[in-house]
């Protein structure tokens, strides 16, 4: 399972934050300002989304991480 194939299992907010961080190369503080949350919340969203993607790609089972 690829990251791209697994991304649809993430929430819209998780996908948005990942895109801002890794496509737009924004800092957590910039992302926080952009979406109206604290930097700590951005950190939590990133950590959770990356953990979910990692689990899906390691197990090859998208359904197990809902």
PDB file of N, CA and C in Angstrom:
ATOM      1  N   UNK A   1       0.850  -1.175   0.000  1.00  0.00           N
ATOM      2  CA  UNK A   1       0.000   0.000   0.000  1.00  0.00           C
ATOM      3  C   UNK A   1       0.896   1.238   0.000  1.00  0.00           C
ATOM      4  N   UNK A   2       0.607   2.172  -0.895  1.00  0.00           N
ATOM      5  CA  UNK A   2       1.402   3.394  -0.968  1.00  0.00           C
ATOM      6  C   UNK A   2       0.785   4.490  -0.111  1.00  0.00           C
ATOM      7  N   UNK A   3       1.576   5.505   0.155  1.00  0.00           N
ATOM      8  CA  UNK A   3       1.071   6.637   0.922  1.00  0.00           C
ATOM      9  C   UNK A   3      -0.084   7.297   0.185  1.00  0.00           C
ATOM     10  N   UNK A   4       0.066   7.467  -1.117  1.00  0.00           N
ATOM     11  CA  UNK A   4      -1.004   8.098  -1.902  1.00  0.00           C
ATOM     12  C   UNK A   4      -2.295   7.290  -1.816  1.00  0.00           C
ATOM     13  N   UNK A   5      -2.186   5.984  -1.867  1.00  0.00           N
ATOM     14  CA  UNK A   5      -3.375   5.134  -1.790  1.00  0.00           C
ATOM     15  C   UNK A   5      -4.004   5.178  -0.401  1.00  0.00           C
ATOM     16  N   UNK A   6      -3.198   5.395   0.612  1.00  0.00           N
ATOM     17  CA  UNK A   6      -3.700   5.422   1.986  1.00  0.00           C
ATOM     18  C   UNK A   6      -4.255   6.778   2.395  1.00  0.00           C
ATOM     19  N   UNK A   7      -3.857   7.832   1.706  1.00  0.00           N
ATOM     20  CA  UNK A   7      -4.222   9.191   2.121  1.00  0.00           C
ATOM     21  C   UNK A   7      -5.730   9.405   2.192  1.00  0.00           C
ATOM     22  N   UNK A   8      -6.490   8.705   1.362  1.00  0.00           N
ATOM     23  CA  UNK A   8      -7.944   8.904   1.390  1.00  0.00           C
ATOM     24  C   UNK A   8      -8.579   8.428   2.699  1.00  0.00           C
ATOM     25  N   UNK A   9      -7.846   7.659   3.490  1.00  0.00           N
ATOM     26  CA  UNK A   9      -8.349   7.203   4.788  1.00  0.00           C
ATOM     27  C   UNK A   9      -8.199   8.275   5.870  1.00  0.00           C
ATOM     28  N   UNK A  10      -7.408   9.306   5.591  1.00  0.00           N
ATOM     29  CA  UNK A  10      -7.214  10.385   6.553  1.00  0.00           C
ATOM     30  C   UNK A  10      -8.387  11.353   6.494  1.00  0.00           C
ATOM     31  N   UNK A  11      -8.544  12.139   7.548  1.00  0.00           N
ATOM     32  CA  UNK A  11      -9.583  13.167   7.533  1.00  0.00           C
ATOM     33  C   UNK A  11      -9.159  14.291   6.590  1.00  0.00           C
ATOM     34  N   UNK A  12     -10.117  15.095   6.189  1.00  0.00           N
ATOM     35  CA  UNK A  12      -9.817  16.240   5.319  1.00  0.00           C
ATOM     36  C   UNK A  12      -8.818  17.172   6.000  1.00  0.00           C
ATOM     37  N   UNK A  13      -8.979  17.386   7.291  1.00  0.00           N
ATOM     38  CA  UNK A  13      -8.058  18.265   8.021  1.00  0.00           C
ATOM     39  C   UNK A  13      -6.648  17.676   8.037  1.00  0.00           C
ATOM     40  N   UNK A  14      -6.532  16.368   8.272  1.00  0.00           N
ATOM     41  CA  UNK A  14      -5.209  15.737   8.274  1.00  0.00           C
ATOM     42  C   UNK A  14      -4.548  15.872   6.908  1.00  0.00           C
ATOM     43  N   UNK A  15      -5.307  15.624   5.845  1.00  0.00           N
ATOM     44  CA  UNK A  15      -4.750  15.766   4.489  1.00  0.00           C
ATOM     45  C   UNK A  15      -4.314  17.201   4.222  1.00  0.00           C
ATOM     46  N   UNK A  16      -5.135  18.158   4.646  1.00  0.00           N
ATOM     47  CA  UNK A  16      -4.817  19.569   4.439  1.00  0.00           C
ATOM     48  C   UNK A  16      -3.530  19.950   5.168  1.00  0.00           C
ATOM     49  N   UNK A  17      -3.426  19.575   6.435  1.00  0.00           N
ATOM     50  CA  UNK A  17      -2.243  19.907   7.227  1.00  0.00           C
ATOM     51  C   UNK A  17      -0.999  19.242   6.641  1.00  0.00           C
ATOM     52  N   UNK A  18      -1.101  17.992   6.224  1.00  0.00           N
ATOM     53  CA  UNK A  18       0.043  17.322   5.596  1.00  0.00           C
ATOM     54  C   UNK A  18       0.468  18.042   4.321  1.00  0.00           C
ATOM     55  N   UNK A  19      -0.503  18.468   3.520  1.00  0.00           N
ATOM     56  CA  UNK A  19      -0.177  19.184   2.281  1.00  0.00           C
ATOM     57  C   UNK A  19       0.500  20.515   2.582  1.00  0.00           C
ATOM     58  N   UNK A  20      -0.011  21.240   3.555  1.00  0.00           N
ATOM     59  CA  UNK A  20       0.619  22.511   3.906  1.00  0.00           C
ATOM     60  C   UNK A  20       2.046  22.296   4.396  1.00  0.00           C
ATOM     61  N   UNK A  21       2.249  21.250   5.180  1.00  0.00           N
ATOM     62  CA  UNK A  21       3.582  20.995   5.749  1.00  0.00           C
ATOM     63  C   UNK A  21       4.569  20.489   4.704  1.00  0.00           C
ATOM     64  N   UNK A  22       4.164  19.505   3.905  1.00  0.00           N
ATOM     65  CA  UNK A  22       5.127  18.829   3.046  1.00  0.00           C
ATOM     66  C   UNK A  22       5.088  19.267   1.587  1.00  0.00           C
ATOM     67  N   UNK A  23       3.983  19.818   1.122  1.00  0.00           N
ATOM     68  CA  UNK A  23       3.912  20.316  -0.255  1.00  0.00           C
ATOM     69  C   UNK A  23       4.234  21.806  -0.280  1.00  0.00           C
ATOM     70  N   UNK A  24       3.592  22.554   0.623  1.00  0.00           N
ATOM     71  CA  UNK A  24       3.821  24.000   0.679  1.00  0.00           C
ATOM     72  C   UNK A  24       5.030  24.364   1.549  1.00  0.00           C
ATOM     73  N   UNK A  25       5.592  23.379   2.253  1.00  0.00           N
ATOM     74  CA  UNK A  25       6.777  23.564   3.098  1.00  0.00           C
ATOM     75  C   UNK A  25       6.571  24.637   4.172  1.00  0.00           C
ATOM     76  N   UNK A  26       5.376  24.663   4.747  1.00  0.00           N
ATOM     77  CA  UNK A  26       5.071  25.629   5.800  1.00  0.00           C
ATOM     78  C   UNK A  26       5.495  25.074   7.156  1.00  0.00           C
ATOM     79  N   UNK A  27       5.828  25.979   8.068  1.00  0.00           N
ATOM     80  CA  UNK A  27       6.144  25.568   9.433  1.00  0.00           C
ATOM     81  C   UNK A  27       4.844  25.274  10.183  1.00  0.00           C
ATOM     82  N   UNK A  28       4.973  24.635  11.330  1.00  0.00           N
ATOM     83  CA  UNK A  28       3.790  24.366  12.145  1.00  0.00           C
ATOM     84  C   UNK A  28       3.116  25.667  12.574  1.00  0.00           C
ATOM     85  N   UNK A  29       3.897  26.679  12.877  1.00  0.00           N
ATOM     86  CA  UNK A  29       3.338  27.969  13.273  1.00  0.00           C
ATOM     87  C   UNK A  29       2.577  28.613  12.119  1.00  0.00           C
ATOM     88  N   UNK A  30       3.129  28.546  10.918  1.00  0.00           N
ATOM     89  CA  UNK A  30       2.442  29.093   9.748  1.00  0.00           C
ATOM     90  C   UNK A  30       1.135  28.347   9.484  1.00  0.00           C
ATOM     91  N   UNK A  31       1.177  27.028   9.621  1.00  0.00           N
ATOM     92  CA  UNK A  31      -0.030  26.219   9.421  1.00  0.00           C
ATOM     93  C   UNK A  31      -1.081  26.596  10.464  1.00  0.00           C
ATOM     94  N   UNK A  32      -0.656  26.743  11.707  1.00  0.00           N
ATOM     95  CA  UNK A  32      -1.580  27.114  12.780  1.00  0.00           C
ATOM     96  C   UNK A  32      -2.276  28.434  12.459  1.00  0.00           C
ATOM     97  N   UNK A  33      -1.519  29.408  12.002  1.00  0.00           N
ATOM     98  CA  UNK A  33      -2.106  30.699  11.631  1.00  0.00           C
ATOM     99  C   UNK A  33      -3.069  30.546  10.460  1.00  0.00           C
ATOM    100  N   UNK A  34      -2.716  29.709   9.508  1.00  0.00           N
ATOM    101  CA  UNK A  34      -3.530  29.499   8.303  1.00  0.00           C
ATOM    102  C   UNK A  34      -4.881  28.855   8.618  1.00  0.00           C
ATOM    103  N   UNK A  35      -4.876  27.863   9.507  1.00  0.00           N
ATOM    104  CA  UNK A  35      -6.129  27.132   9.754  1.00  0.00           C
ATOM    105  C   UNK A  35      -6.809  27.518  11.066  1.00  0.00           C
ATOM    106  N   UNK A  36      -6.194  28.416  11.823  1.00  0.00           N
ATOM    107  CA  UNK A  36      -6.843  28.945  13.013  1.00  0.00           C
ATOM    108  C   UNK A  36      -6.824  28.063  14.240  1.00  0.00           C
ATOM    109  N   UNK A  37      -5.732  27.327  14.423  1.00  0.00           N
ATOM    110  CA  UNK A  37      -5.565  26.516  15.632  1.00  0.00           C
ATOM    111  C   UNK A  37      -4.192  26.814  16.217  1.00  0.00           C
ATOM    112  N   UNK A  38      -3.893  26.237  17.372  1.00  0.00           N
ATOM    113  CA  UNK A  38      -2.584  26.446  17.989  1.00  0.00           C
ATOM    114  C   UNK A  38      -1.516  25.602  17.288  1.00  0.00           C
ATOM    115  N   UNK A  39      -0.280  25.993  17.478  1.00  0.00           N
ATOM    116  CA  UNK A  39       0.836  25.221  16.928  1.00  0.00           C
ATOM    117  C   UNK A  39       0.847  23.823  17.528  1.00  0.00           C
ATOM    118  N   UNK A  40       0.481  23.706  18.800  1.00  0.00           N
ATOM    119  CA  UNK A  40       0.441  22.400  19.456  1.00  0.00           C
ATOM    120  C   UNK A  40      -0.600  21.499  18.798  1.00  0.00           C
ATOM    121  N   UNK A  41      -1.744  22.062  18.426  1.00  0.00           N
ATOM    122  CA  UNK A  41      -2.771  21.268  17.747  1.00  0.00           C
ATOM    123  C   UNK A  41      -2.268  20.799  16.384  1.00  0.00           C
ATOM    124  N   UNK A  42      -1.550  21.661  15.668  1.00  0.00           N
ATOM    125  CA  UNK A  42      -0.969  21.262  14.380  1.00  0.00           C
ATOM    126  C   UNK A  42      -0.007  20.100  14.597  1.00  0.00           C
ATOM    127  N   UNK A  43       0.804  20.191  15.636  1.00  0.00           N
ATOM    128  CA  UNK A  43       1.738  19.118  15.951  1.00  0.00           C
ATOM    129  C   UNK A  43       1.001  17.805  16.194  1.00  0.00           C
ATOM    130  N   UNK A  44      -0.099  17.861  16.926  1.00  0.00           N
ATOM    131  CA  UNK A  44      -0.892  16.654  17.201  1.00  0.00           C
ATOM    132  C   UNK A  44      -1.499  16.077  15.923  1.00  0.00           C
ATOM    133  N   UNK A  45      -2.021  16.953  15.070  1.00  0.00           N
ATOM    134  CA  UNK A  45      -2.619  16.500  13.811  1.00  0.00           C
ATOM    135  C   UNK A  45      -1.565  15.810  12.956  1.00  0.00           C
ATOM    136  N   UNK A  46      -0.390  16.428  12.838  1.00  0.00           N
ATOM    137  CA  UNK A  46       0.684  15.834  12.040  1.00  0.00           C
ATOM    138  C   UNK A  46       1.118  14.489  12.610  1.00  0.00           C
ATOM    139  N   UNK A  47       1.307  14.442  13.914  1.00  0.00           N
ATOM    140  CA  UNK A  47       1.761  13.197  14.546  1.00  0.00           C
ATOM    141  C   UNK A  47       0.759  12.069  14.322  1.00  0.00           C
ATOM    142  N   UNK A  48      -0.525  12.372  14.507  1.00  0.00           N
ATOM    143  CA  UNK A  48      -1.566  11.362  14.325  1.00  0.00           C
ATOM    144  C   UNK A  48      -1.656  10.916  12.860  1.00  0.00           C
ATOM    145  N   UNK A  49      -1.632  11.866  11.942  1.00  0.00           N
ATOM    146  CA  UNK A  49      -1.748  11.533  10.519  1.00  0.00           C
ATOM    147  C   UNK A  49      -0.557  10.704  10.050  1.00  0.00           C
ATOM    148  N   UNK A  50       0.639  11.094  10.456  1.00  0.00           N
ATOM    149  CA  UNK A  50       1.828  10.343  10.046  1.00  0.00           C
ATOM    150  C   UNK A  50       1.835   8.941  10.651  1.00  0.00           C
ATOM    151  N   UNK A  51       1.387   8.814  11.886  1.00  0.00           N
ATOM    152  CA  UNK A  51       1.314   7.490  12.513  1.00  0.00           C
ATOM    153  C   UNK A  51       0.316   6.603  11.777  1.00  0.00           C
ATOM    154  N   UNK A  52      -0.823   7.169  11.406  1.00  0.00           N
ATOM    155  CA  UNK A  52      -1.831   6.390  10.673  1.00  0.00           C
ATOM    156  C   UNK A  52      -1.290   5.960   9.312  1.00  0.00           C
ATOM    157  N   UNK A  53      -0.635   6.876   8.603  1.00  0.00           N
ATOM    158  CA  UNK A  53      -0.057   6.522   7.302  1.00  0.00           C
ATOM    159  C   UNK A  53       1.011   5.443   7.452  1.00  0.00           C
ATOM    160  N   UNK A  54       1.850   5.593   8.465  1.00  0.00           N
ATOM    161  CA  UNK A  54       2.913   4.612   8.699  1.00  0.00           C
ATOM    162  C   UNK A  54       2.317   3.232   8.951  1.00  0.00           C
ATOM    163  N   UNK A  55       1.296   3.173   9.788  1.00  0.00           N
ATOM    164  CA  UNK A  55       0.672   1.887  10.094  1.00  0.00           C
ATOM    165  C   UNK A  55       0.036   1.272   8.850  1.00  0.00           C
ATOM    166  N   UNK A  56      -0.643   2.082   8.065  1.00  0.00           N
ATOM    167  CA  UNK A  56      -1.289   1.564   6.854  1.00  0.00           C
ATOM    168  C   UNK A  56      -0.268   1.035   5.855  1.00  0.00           C
ATOM    169  N   UNK A  57       0.848   1.743   5.694  1.00  0.00           N
ATOM    170  CA  UNK A  57       1.835   1.294   4.714  1.00  0.00           C
ATOM    171  C   UNK A  57       2.613   0.083   5.218  1.00  0.00           C
ATOM    172  N   UNK A  58       2.818  -0.019   6.531  1.00  0.00           N
ATOM    173  CA  UNK A  58       3.539  -1.169   7.077  1.00  0.00           C
ATOM    174  C   UNK A  58       2.693  -2.431   7.068  1.00  0.00           C
ATOM    175  N   UNK A  59       1.414  -2.302   7.389  1.00  0.00           N
ATOM    176  CA  UNK A  59       0.556  -3.482   7.453  1.00  0.00           C
ATOM    177  C   UNK A  59      -0.067  -3.809   6.109  1.00  0.00           C
ATOM    178  N   UNK A  60      -0.132  -2.801   5.244  1.00  0.00           N
ATOM    179  CA  UNK A  60      -0.775  -3.009   3.949  1.00  0.00           C
ATOM    180  C   UNK A  60      -2.278  -3.107   4.063  1.00  0.00           C
ATOM    181  N   UNK A  61      -2.807  -2.708   5.211  1.00  0.00           N
ATOM    182  CA  UNK A  61      -4.241  -2.834   5.457  1.00  0.00           C
ATOM    183  C   UNK A  61      -4.824  -1.488   5.825  1.00  0.00           C
ATOM    184  N   UNK A  62      -5.420  -0.814   4.853  1.00  0.00           N
ATOM    185  CA  UNK A  62      -5.998   0.502   5.078  1.00  0.00           C
ATOM    186  C   UNK A  62      -7.158   0.455   6.057  1.00  0.00           C
ATOM    187  N   UNK A  63      -7.910  -0.614   6.073  1.00  0.00           N
ATOM    188  CA  UNK A  63      -9.105  -0.704   6.909  1.00  0.00           C
ATOM    189  C   UNK A  63      -8.772  -0.803   8.393  1.00  0.00           C
ATOM    190  N   UNK A  64      -7.567  -1.238   8.734  1.00  0.00           N
ATOM    191  CA  UNK A  64      -7.235  -1.461  10.134  1.00  0.00           C
ATOM    192  C   UNK A  64      -6.937  -0.183  10.902  1.00  0.00           C
ATOM    193  N   UNK A  65      -6.899   0.963  10.236  1.00  0.00           N
ATOM    194  CA  UNK A  65      -6.486   2.194  10.895  1.00  0.00           C
ATOM    195  C   UNK A  65      -7.583   3.243  10.898  1.00  0.00           C
ATOM    196  N   UNK A  66      -8.806   2.854  10.768  1.00  0.00           N
ATOM    197  CA  UNK A  66      -9.911   3.829  10.698  1.00  0.00           C
ATOM    198  C   UNK A  66     -10.128   4.580  11.959  1.00  0.00           C
TER     199      UNK A  66
END
